Amino acid sequence: MKATYQKILLSEGSSFLATRLILPRFHSEYHFHPEYELKYVIESKGKRFVGDTIENFQEGDLILLGPNIPHYWKNDAVHDQTDLMKAKAVVVLFSEDFLGDKFFSVQEMIPIMEILRKSNAGLAFPNAISGPIPRMMEELTVSTGPLRIILMLEILAELAKVESRKLLTEEFSSGTPFLDANSPSFVRLQKVHHYVIKNFYSPLQIEDVAQIANMTPHAFCKYFKKSTKKTFMTFLNELRVCHAKKLLIENRIPISQICIESGFNNISNFNRQFKTGTNMTPSDFKAMYIN
């Protein structure tokens, strides 16, 4: 699955971009850009794809991505079935030198430089919703003049203080992602990605997916492994487990039905794949959230 290069355009006189998104749904392509991206989800639910990771997201999701990490957010199918739901978020995009080449090299900026360095593996901030960062990010979208720069630095300083966890695996973040915005193969692999997202709950064979990409199964498997650092079946099982976790947390249907709706053909395979991905059984995972 290949990512396209996205060019970020700043308004004249602006050193970084801060904007509030209100959309029917998140619909960006799998893409990358040389800027850092800080994104706070105000309203929306779905799947978040960052490099080689797949996770559920919902209101309060706060992520900091370093340069050139391929990513995109995909809403759950329910967003396509109603006009009542919205996708709302605040997004901040900035380069490391947006305040000058040496600004973050001074002693006082070491904590901020450290959080920027860590974001090269992608960072999630699980408890940030209870702190001041979401409010500050919303204020940033309407701030002007010197106060805008000051507020941006305050946000970065707060990020450096709160708990975070990295998103990318060592194998992915230490390697060079397979990014080529000019290759004609991107369009067909983008189609594959969309096809899998829409059909992961159904029986999927590599032969069928390779046909969507107009590749032989062998060539498709090699390409997928090179670009994502994982096999196609690993990707598919992670996506299915991710969806199962969402259904388990919602606690609306029994585990046997969650198994089927997540695309697993039997309960033993479901339990095995779920434990591989979470080190827990589906029952233990559900009990942890209920309790």
Protein backbone atom coordinates (compact mmCIF):
# COMPACT_ATOMS: atom_id res chain seq x y z
CA MET A 1 0.00 0.00 0.00
CA LYS A 2 1.73 3.09 -1.22
CA ALA A 3 1.35 6.65 0.05
CA THR A 4 1.14 9.81 -2.02
CA TYR A 5 3.15 12.92 -1.31
CA GLN A 6 0.97 15.78 -0.06
CA LYS A 7 2.10 19.37 -0.52
CA ILE A 8 1.12 21.60 2.39
CA LEU A 9 0.33 25.18 1.35
CA LEU A 10 0.68 27.89 3.98
CA SER A 11 -1.12 31.21 3.88
CA GLU A 12 1.10 34.15 3.04
CA GLY A 13 2.85 35.41 6.16
CA SER A 14 2.16 32.23 8.18
CA SER A 15 4.94 30.07 9.60
CA PHE A 16 2.66 27.06 10.23
CA LEU A 17 -0.87 25.84 9.51
CA ALA A 18 -3.55 25.50 12.20
CA THR A 19 -7.08 24.74 11.08
CA ARG A 20 -10.37 23.38 12.38
CA LEU A 21 -11.89 20.69 10.17
CA ILE A 22 -15.64 20.11 9.94
CA LEU A 23 -16.34 17.44 7.31
CA PRO A 24 -19.00 14.85 6.52
CA ARG A 25 -16.28 12.26 7.04
CA PHE A 26 -12.50 11.89 7.03
CA HIS A 27 -11.68 10.95 3.44
CA SER A 28 -8.01 11.76 2.82
CA GLU A 29 -5.83 9.35 0.87
CA TYR A 30 -3.00 7.38 2.43
CA HIS A 31 -0.41 10.16 2.24
CA PHE A 32 2.73 11.69 3.71
CA HIS A 33 4.36 15.11 3.92
CA PRO A 34 7.63 16.57 5.28
CA GLU A 35 5.84 18.60 7.96
CA TYR A 36 5.05 17.47 11.51
CA GLU A 37 1.34 16.88 12.04
CA LEU A 38 -0.53 17.32 15.32
CA LYS A 39 -4.14 16.17 15.12
CA TYR A 40 -6.88 16.26 17.76
CA VAL A 41 -10.20 14.56 16.98
CA ILE A 42 -13.16 16.49 18.37
CA GLU A 43 -15.91 14.31 16.91
CA SER A 44 -15.66 11.11 14.87
CA LYS A 45 -14.91 7.41 15.11
CA GLY A 46 -13.13 4.93 12.87
CA LYS A 47 -9.76 3.43 12.05
CA ARG A 48 -6.43 5.24 12.12
CA PHE A 49 -3.64 4.04 9.82
CA VAL A 50 -0.16 5.32 10.72
CA GLY A 51 2.78 3.61 9.05
CA ASP A 52 2.44 -0.06 9.92
CA THR A 53 -0.13 0.37 12.71
CA ILE A 54 -3.92 0.13 12.67
CA GLU A 55 -5.89 1.42 15.65
CA ASN A 56 -9.38 2.61 16.46
CA PHE A 57 -9.84 6.32 17.05
CA GLN A 58 -12.62 8.33 18.62
CA GLU A 59 -13.27 11.69 20.24
CA GLY A 60 -10.22 12.83 22.20
CA ASP A 61 -7.68 11.09 19.96
CA LEU A 62 -4.45 13.15 19.91
CA ILE A 63 -1.55 12.18 17.65
CA LEU A 64 1.81 13.78 16.76
CA LEU A 65 3.44 12.50 13.58
CA GLY A 66 6.99 13.22 12.49
CA PRO A 67 7.95 14.04 8.88
CA ASN A 68 7.11 11.64 6.04
CA ILE A 69 5.14 9.09 8.07
CA PRO A 70 2.40 7.70 5.79
CA HIS A 71 -1.03 7.96 7.39
CA TYR A 72 -4.75 8.48 7.07
CA TRP A 73 -7.95 8.39 9.11
CA LYS A 74 -10.93 6.32 7.87
CA ASN A 75 -14.40 6.66 9.38
CA ASP A 76 -16.52 3.63 10.21
CA ALA A 77 -19.14 2.66 7.63
CA VAL A 78 -21.94 4.20 9.72
CA HIS A 79 -20.71 7.64 8.56
CA ASP A 80 -21.72 6.73 5.01
CA GLN A 81 -25.24 5.81 6.11
CA THR A 82 -26.30 9.09 7.68
CA ASP A 83 -25.85 12.82 7.20
CA LEU A 84 -26.16 13.49 10.93
CA MET A 85 -22.61 12.49 11.84
CA LYS A 86 -19.66 14.81 11.30
CA ALA A 87 -15.90 14.48 11.37
CA LYS A 88 -14.44 17.34 13.38
CA ALA A 89 -10.79 17.85 14.26
CA VAL A 90 -8.06 20.42 14.80
CA VAL A 91 -4.92 19.91 12.70
CA VAL A 92 -1.60 21.71 13.09
CA LEU A 93 1.14 21.30 10.46
CA PHE A 94 4.61 22.76 10.92
CA SER A 95 8.21 22.24 9.87
CA GLU A 96 11.10 21.82 12.30
CA ASP A 97 12.56 25.14 11.18
CA PHE A 98 9.32 27.14 11.20
CA LEU A 99 10.94 29.53 13.70
CA GLY A 100 14.41 29.40 12.13
CA ASP A 101 17.16 26.84 11.59
CA LYS A 102 18.66 27.00 15.09
CA PHE A 103 15.66 27.89 17.24
CA PHE A 104 15.05 24.44 18.76
CA SER A 105 18.78 23.82 19.23
CA VAL A 106 19.14 26.15 22.21
CA GLN A 107 19.26 24.73 25.74
CA GLU A 108 15.78 25.89 26.74
CA MET A 109 14.19 24.06 23.80
CA ILE A 110 15.65 20.62 24.57
CA PRO A 111 12.34 19.19 25.93
CA ILE A 112 10.52 20.25 22.77
CA MET A 113 13.31 18.95 20.52
CA GLU A 114 13.10 15.63 22.35
CA ILE A 115 9.34 15.23 21.75
CA LEU A 116 9.86 16.11 18.08
CA ARG A 117 12.57 13.47 17.83
CA LYS A 118 10.29 10.86 19.43
CA SER A 119 7.51 11.72 17.00
CA ASN A 120 9.57 10.19 14.18
CA ALA A 121 8.02 6.93 15.39
CA GLY A 122 4.58 8.54 15.74
CA LEU A 123 3.19 9.44 19.17
CA ALA A 124 -0.23 8.99 20.74
CA PHE A 125 -1.19 10.93 23.89
CA PRO A 126 -3.82 8.78 25.62
CA ASN A 127 -4.66 11.12 28.51
CA ALA A 128 -4.23 14.51 26.86
CA ILE A 129 -7.99 15.08 26.64
CA SER A 130 -8.07 15.83 30.36
CA GLY A 131 -5.41 18.54 30.06
CA PRO A 132 -5.18 21.96 28.42
CA ILE A 133 -3.86 20.90 24.99
CA PRO A 134 -7.22 20.43 23.19
CA ARG A 135 -8.41 23.87 24.32
CA MET A 136 -5.10 25.46 23.35
CA MET A 137 -5.22 23.87 19.90
CA GLU A 138 -8.71 25.28 19.30
CA GLU A 139 -7.48 28.72 20.38
CA LEU A 140 -4.54 28.39 18.01
CA THR A 141 -6.86 28.21 14.99
CA VAL A 142 -8.10 31.77 15.65
CA SER A 143 -4.95 33.33 17.15
CA THR A 144 -2.95 35.96 15.24
CA GLY A 145 0.31 37.85 15.55
CA PRO A 146 2.98 37.12 18.16
CA LEU A 147 0.44 35.43 20.46
CA ARG A 148 0.01 32.73 17.81
CA ILE A 149 3.71 31.83 18.02
CA ILE A 150 3.64 31.91 21.82
CA LEU A 151 0.60 29.63 21.96
CA MET A 152 2.21 27.20 19.53
CA LEU A 153 5.29 26.95 21.75
CA GLU A 154 3.11 26.45 24.81
CA ILE A 155 1.35 23.54 23.09
CA LEU A 156 4.67 21.90 22.21
CA ALA A 157 5.90 22.43 25.77
CA GLU A 158 2.75 20.78 27.15
CA LEU A 159 3.16 17.84 24.78
CA ALA A 160 6.68 17.34 26.11
CA LYS A 161 5.28 16.94 29.63
CA VAL A 162 2.36 14.54 29.12
CA GLU A 163 2.36 10.77 28.81
CA SER A 164 2.87 9.42 25.30
CA ARG A 165 3.37 6.10 23.54
CA LYS A 166 4.95 5.43 20.17
CA LEU A 167 2.89 4.04 17.31
CA LEU A 168 5.33 2.56 14.81
CA THR A 169 7.26 -0.66 15.19
CA GLU A 170 11.06 -0.52 15.29
CA GLU A 171 11.25 -2.33 11.94
CA PHE A 172 9.12 0.29 10.20
CA SER A 173 10.50 3.43 11.84
CA SER A 174 14.15 2.37 11.45
CA GLY A 175 13.70 1.44 7.79
CA THR A 176 12.96 3.66 4.84
CA PRO A 177 9.23 3.59 4.00
CA PHE A 178 8.52 2.67 0.41
CA LEU A 179 7.24 6.05 -0.76
CA ASP A 180 7.09 6.99 -4.41
CA ALA A 181 4.53 9.60 -5.36
CA ASN A 182 5.28 9.32 -9.09
CA SER A 183 4.80 5.60 -9.60
CA PRO A 184 1.77 4.61 -11.71
CA SER A 185 1.23 1.63 -9.41
CA PHE A 186 -0.04 3.92 -6.65
CA VAL A 187 -3.57 4.22 -8.03
CA ARG A 188 -4.12 0.47 -8.21
CA LEU A 189 -2.73 -0.15 -4.72
CA GLN A 190 -4.87 2.67 -3.38
CA LYS A 191 -7.81 0.72 -4.83
CA VAL A 192 -6.59 -2.39 -3.02
CA HIS A 193 -6.45 -0.55 0.27
CA HIS A 194 -9.99 0.78 -0.12
CA TYR A 195 -11.19 -2.65 -1.22
CA VAL A 196 -9.77 -4.32 1.90
CA ILE A 197 -11.19 -1.68 4.25
CA LYS A 198 -14.67 -2.21 2.78
CA ASN A 199 -14.49 -6.01 2.70
CA PHE A 200 -12.31 -7.13 5.61
CA TYR A 201 -15.32 -8.75 7.33
CA SER A 202 -15.82 -11.05 4.31
CA PRO A 203 -13.66 -14.00 3.24
CA LEU A 204 -10.69 -12.50 1.40
CA GLN A 205 -8.17 -14.44 -0.61
CA ILE A 206 -4.79 -13.01 -1.64
CA GLU A 207 -5.60 -14.03 -5.22
CA ASP A 208 -8.68 -11.78 -5.23
CA VAL A 209 -6.86 -8.80 -3.74
CA ALA A 210 -3.89 -9.26 -6.10
CA GLN A 211 -6.32 -9.21 -9.00
CA ILE A 212 -7.60 -5.79 -7.86
CA ALA A 213 -3.96 -4.61 -8.06
CA ASN A 214 -3.53 -6.28 -11.47
CA MET A 215 -0.63 -8.31 -10.06
CA THR A 216 0.16 -11.97 -9.61
CA PRO A 217 -0.28 -13.13 -6.00
CA HIS A 218 3.48 -13.60 -5.61
CA ALA A 219 4.33 -10.13 -6.94
CA PHE A 220 1.61 -8.54 -4.82
CA CYS A 221 2.86 -10.21 -1.61
CA LYS A 222 6.43 -9.05 -2.26
CA TYR A 223 5.29 -5.50 -2.99
CA PHE A 224 3.03 -5.31 0.06
CA LYS A 225 5.75 -6.59 2.38
CA LYS A 226 8.28 -4.13 0.97
CA SER A 227 5.98 -1.12 1.35
CA THR A 228 4.42 -1.87 4.75
CA LYS A 229 7.04 -4.05 6.46
CA LYS A 230 4.41 -6.74 7.06
CA THR A 231 2.64 -9.45 5.11
CA PHE A 232 -0.80 -8.86 3.65
CA MET A 233 -2.36 -11.48 5.95
CA THR A 234 -0.79 -9.81 9.00
CA PHE A 235 -2.28 -6.50 7.88
CA LEU A 236 -5.68 -8.09 7.31
CA ASN A 237 -5.73 -9.85 10.70
CA GLU A 238 -4.65 -6.65 12.48
CA LEU A 239 -7.49 -4.76 10.81
CA ARG A 240 -9.98 -7.44 11.84
CA VAL A 241 -8.71 -7.48 15.43
CA CYS A 242 -8.90 -3.70 15.51
CA HIS A 243 -12.57 -3.85 14.48
CA ALA A 244 -13.27 -6.62 16.99
CA LYS A 245 -11.82 -4.48 19.80
CA LYS A 246 -14.24 -1.70 18.88
CA LEU A 247 -17.22 -4.09 19.00
CA LEU A 248 -16.06 -5.61 22.29
CA ILE A 249 -15.84 -2.17 23.89
CA GLU A 250 -19.33 -1.28 22.65
CA ASN A 251 -20.61 -4.50 24.32
CA ARG A 252 -23.74 -4.76 22.13
CA ILE A 253 -23.43 -8.26 20.67
CA PRO A 254 -21.98 -11.59 21.90
CA ILE A 255 -18.39 -12.56 21.20
CA SER A 256 -19.46 -15.30 18.79
CA GLN A 257 -21.16 -12.70 16.61
CA ILE A 258 -18.22 -10.29 16.90
CA CYS A 259 -16.03 -13.09 15.56
CA ILE A 260 -18.15 -13.31 12.39
CA GLU A 261 -18.66 -9.56 11.93
CA SER A 262 -14.89 -8.99 12.17
CA GLY A 263 -14.19 -11.44 9.36
CA PHE A 264 -12.90 -14.48 11.26
CA ASN A 265 -14.16 -17.84 10.05
CA ASN A 266 -14.24 -19.60 13.43
CA ILE A 267 -13.96 -18.79 17.11
CA SER A 268 -10.66 -20.62 17.66
CA ASN A 269 -8.94 -18.64 14.89
CA PHE A 270 -10.50 -15.45 16.28
CA ASN A 271 -9.16 -16.17 19.77
CA ARG A 272 -5.71 -17.02 18.41
CA GLN A 273 -5.39 -13.92 16.23
CA PHE A 274 -6.83 -11.65 18.92
CA LYS A 275 -4.35 -12.92 21.50
CA THR A 276 -1.48 -12.51 19.02
CA GLY A 277 -2.43 -8.88 18.55
CA THR A 278 -3.31 -7.93 22.13
CA ASN A 279 -1.83 -10.59 24.46
CA MET A 280 -5.38 -11.04 25.75
CA THR A 281 -8.36 -13.19 24.87
CA PRO A 282 -11.48 -11.43 23.57
CA SER A 283 -13.26 -12.29 26.84
CA ASP A 284 -10.48 -10.79 28.97
CA PHE A 285 -10.35 -7.68 26.79
CA LYS A 286 -14.12 -7.19 27.07
CA ALA A 287 -14.05 -7.74 30.84
CA MET A 288 -11.26 -5.19 31.25
CA TYR A 289 -13.38 -2.46 29.67
CA ILE A 290 -16.63 -3.44 31.36
CA ASN A 291 -14.98 -3.46 34.77
